[in-house]
C-alpha atoms as a PDB file:
ATOM      1  CA  MET A   1     -38.403  23.784  61.700  1.00  0.00           C
ATOM      2  CA  TYR A   2     -37.707  21.476  58.504  1.00  0.00           C
ATOM      3  CA  PRO A   3     -39.408  17.927  57.943  1.00  0.00           C
ATOM      4  CA  LEU A   4     -37.250  15.282  58.749  1.00  0.00           C
ATOM      5  CA  SER A   5     -38.165  14.146  55.768  1.00  0.00           C
ATOM      6  CA  ALA A   6     -37.318  16.893  53.391  1.00  0.00           C
ATOM      7  CA  PRO A   7     -32.932  17.709  53.200  1.00  0.00           C
ATOM      8  CA  PRO A   8     -32.513  21.816  53.852  1.00  0.00           C
ATOM      9  CA  PRO A   9     -32.136  23.650  50.487  1.00  0.00           C
ATOM     10  CA  LYS A  10     -28.951  23.755  48.992  1.00  0.00           C
ATOM     11  CA  GLU A  11     -26.969  27.046  48.952  1.00  0.00           C
ATOM     12  CA  ASP A  12     -26.559  28.379  45.323  1.00  0.00           C
ATOM     13  CA  VAL A  13     -23.884  26.863  43.687  1.00  0.00           C
ATOM     14  CA  ALA A  14     -22.645  29.175  41.090  1.00  0.00           C
ATOM     15  CA  LYS A  15     -21.610  31.594  43.147  1.00  0.00           C
ATOM     16  CA  GLU A  16     -18.870  29.994  45.062  1.00  0.00           C
ATOM     17  CA  LYS A  17     -17.318  28.988  41.843  1.00  0.00           C
ATOM     18  CA  SER A  18     -14.765  31.605  40.409  1.00  0.00           C
ATOM     19  CA  VAL A  19     -15.634  32.492  36.831  1.00  0.00           C
ATOM     20  CA  ILE A  20     -11.999  31.623  35.186  1.00  0.00           C
ATOM     21  CA  PRO A  21     -11.362  34.333  32.945  1.00  0.00           C
ATOM     22  CA  GLN A  22     -10.391  33.109  29.056  1.00  0.00           C
ATOM     23  CA  PRO A  23      -7.347  34.676  26.871  1.00  0.00           C
ATOM     24  CA  ASP A  24      -8.023  37.165  24.515  1.00  0.00           C
ATOM     25  CA  HIS A  25      -5.735  35.957  21.797  1.00  0.00           C
ATOM     26  CA  LEU A  26      -7.769  32.643  21.380  1.00  0.00           C
ATOM     27  CA  ASP A  27      -9.802  32.872  18.916  1.00  0.00           C
ATOM     28  CA  HIS A  28     -12.343  30.152  18.403  1.00  0.00           C
ATOM     29  CA  ASN A  29     -12.214  30.376  14.895  1.00  0.00           C
ATOM     30  CA  PRO A  30      -8.337  29.950  13.869  1.00  0.00           C
ATOM     31  CA  THR A  31      -6.966  30.162  11.053  1.00  0.00           C
ATOM     32  CA  HIS A  32      -5.791  27.350   9.437  1.00  0.00           C
ATOM     33  CA  PRO A  33      -2.001  26.767   8.394  1.00  0.00           C
ATOM     34  CA  PRO A  34      -1.312  26.578   4.798  1.00  0.00           C
ATOM     35  CA  PRO A  35      -0.977  23.494   2.990  1.00  0.00           C
ATOM     36  CA  VAL A  36       2.162  21.587   2.318  1.00  0.00           C
ATOM     37  CA  VAL A  37       2.935  21.393  -0.731  1.00  0.00           C
ATOM     38  CA  VAL A  38       4.858  17.678  -0.944  1.00  0.00           C
ATOM     39  CA  ASP A  39       7.300  17.084  -4.294  1.00  0.00           C
ATOM     40  CA  ASP A  40       6.517  14.173  -5.970  1.00  0.00           C
ATOM     41  CA  SER A  41       8.516  14.715  -8.914  1.00  0.00           C
ATOM     42  CA  LYS A  42      11.207  13.076  -6.924  1.00  0.00           C
ATOM     43  CA  ALA A  43       9.085   9.888  -5.688  1.00  0.00           C
ATOM     44  CA  LEU A  44       7.075   9.384  -9.569  1.00  0.00           C
ATOM     45  CA  VAL A  45      10.671   9.404 -10.945  1.00  0.00           C
ATOM     46  CA  ILE A  46      11.709   6.892  -8.694  1.00  0.00           C
ATOM     47  CA  VAL A  47       8.201   4.622  -8.917  1.00  0.00           C
ATOM     48  CA  LEU A  48       9.107   4.673 -13.134  1.00  0.00           C
ATOM     49  CA  HIS A  49      12.320   3.564 -12.913  1.00  0.00           C
ATOM     50  CA  MET A  50      10.858   0.586  -9.934  1.00  0.00           C
ATOM     51  CA  LEU A  51       8.324  -0.592 -13.224  1.00  0.00           C
ATOM     52  CA  THR A  52      10.563  -0.155 -15.401  1.00  0.00           C
ATOM     53  CA  LEU A  53      12.718  -1.990 -13.842  1.00  0.00           C
ATOM     54  CA  LEU A  54      10.470  -4.294 -13.190  1.00  0.00           C
ATOM     55  CA  ALA A  55       8.704  -4.652 -17.434  1.00  0.00           C
ATOM     56  CA  MET A  56      12.112  -5.849 -18.439  1.00  0.00           C
ATOM     57  CA  THR A  57      12.775  -8.412 -16.808  1.00  0.00           C
ATOM     58  CA  PHE A  58       9.143  -9.652 -17.052  1.00  0.00           C
ATOM     59  CA  ARG A  59      10.332  -9.414 -21.025  1.00  0.00           C
ATOM     60  CA  SER A  60      13.826 -11.189 -20.258  1.00  0.00           C
ATOM     61  CA  CYS A  61      11.476 -14.451 -17.554  1.00  0.00           C
ATOM     62  CA  SER A  62       9.665 -13.959 -21.162  1.00  0.00           C
ATOM     63  CA  ASN A  63      12.143 -14.668 -23.126  1.00  0.00           C
ATOM     64  CA  VAL A  64      14.441 -16.855 -20.914  1.00  0.00           C
ATOM     65  CA  MET A  65      11.106 -19.109 -20.567  1.00  0.00           C
ATOM     66  CA  LEU A  66      10.115 -19.407 -24.741  1.00  0.00           C
ATOM     67  CA  GLU A  67      13.493 -20.590 -24.882  1.00  0.00           C
ATOM     68  CA  ARG A  68      13.941 -22.999 -22.705  1.00  0.00           C
ATOM     69  CA  VAL A  69      10.946 -23.741 -24.066  1.00  0.00           C
ATOM     70  CA  ALA A  70      11.926 -23.811 -27.543  1.00  0.00           C
ATOM     71  CA  THR A  71      14.826 -25.685 -26.407  1.00  0.00           C
ATOM     72  CA  GLU A  72      12.668 -28.362 -25.072  1.00  0.00           C
ATOM     73  CA  LYS A  73      10.911 -28.859 -28.241  1.00  0.00           C
ATOM     74  CA  ARG A  74      14.337 -28.780 -30.399  1.00  0.00           C
ATOM     75  CA  LEU A  75      15.689 -31.732 -28.341  1.00  0.00           C
ATOM     76  CA  SER A  76      11.827 -33.333 -28.302  1.00  0.00           C
ATOM     77  CA  LEU A  77      12.396 -33.476 -32.612  1.00  0.00           C
ATOM     78  CA  VAL A  78      15.298 -34.458 -32.046  1.00  0.00           C
ATOM     79  CA  LYS A  79      15.202 -37.422 -29.959  1.00  0.00           C
ATOM     80  CA  ALA A  80      12.032 -38.185 -32.411  1.00  0.00           C
ATOM     81  CA  TRP A  81      13.986 -38.223 -35.250  1.00  0.00           C
ATOM     82  CA  GLU A  82      16.605 -41.179 -33.540  1.00  0.00           C
ATOM     83  CA  GLU A  83      13.341 -42.943 -32.130  1.00  0.00           C
ATOM     84  CA  SER A  84      12.655 -43.574 -35.897  1.00  0.00           C
ATOM     85  CA  GLU A  85      15.947 -44.398 -37.280  1.00  0.00           C
ATOM     86  CA  LYS A  86      16.168 -46.941 -34.685  1.00  0.00           C
ATOM     87  CA  SER A  87      13.129 -48.321 -36.006  1.00  0.00           C
ATOM     88  CA  LYS A  88      14.300 -47.749 -39.433  1.00  0.00           C
ATOM     89  CA  ALA A  89      17.896 -49.695 -38.224  1.00  0.00           C
ATOM     90  CA  GLU A  90      15.968 -52.596 -36.759  1.00  0.00           C
ATOM     91  CA  ASN A  91      13.350 -53.041 -39.276  1.00  0.00           C
ATOM     92  CA  LYS A  92      16.131 -53.758 -41.976  1.00  0.00           C
END
């Protein structure tokens, strides 16, 4: 009946497949849930507290550094005065 080179025609595959019914309760345009309101006030207070502590730490560090510089300057002046007094005594 059919030539040997041509395959036999396929039957309609769509007839063999069953149709899966879609439930009516599924909406293709679902409503989105209301946005969740996040209370950031506590987090903001914590961040502000941490920034305050950080600023106080840097102020303390800078105060300590300034005190150290002042102390070194004072010691340097004392050492220079002592050397000056030694050289005066040696020159006499």
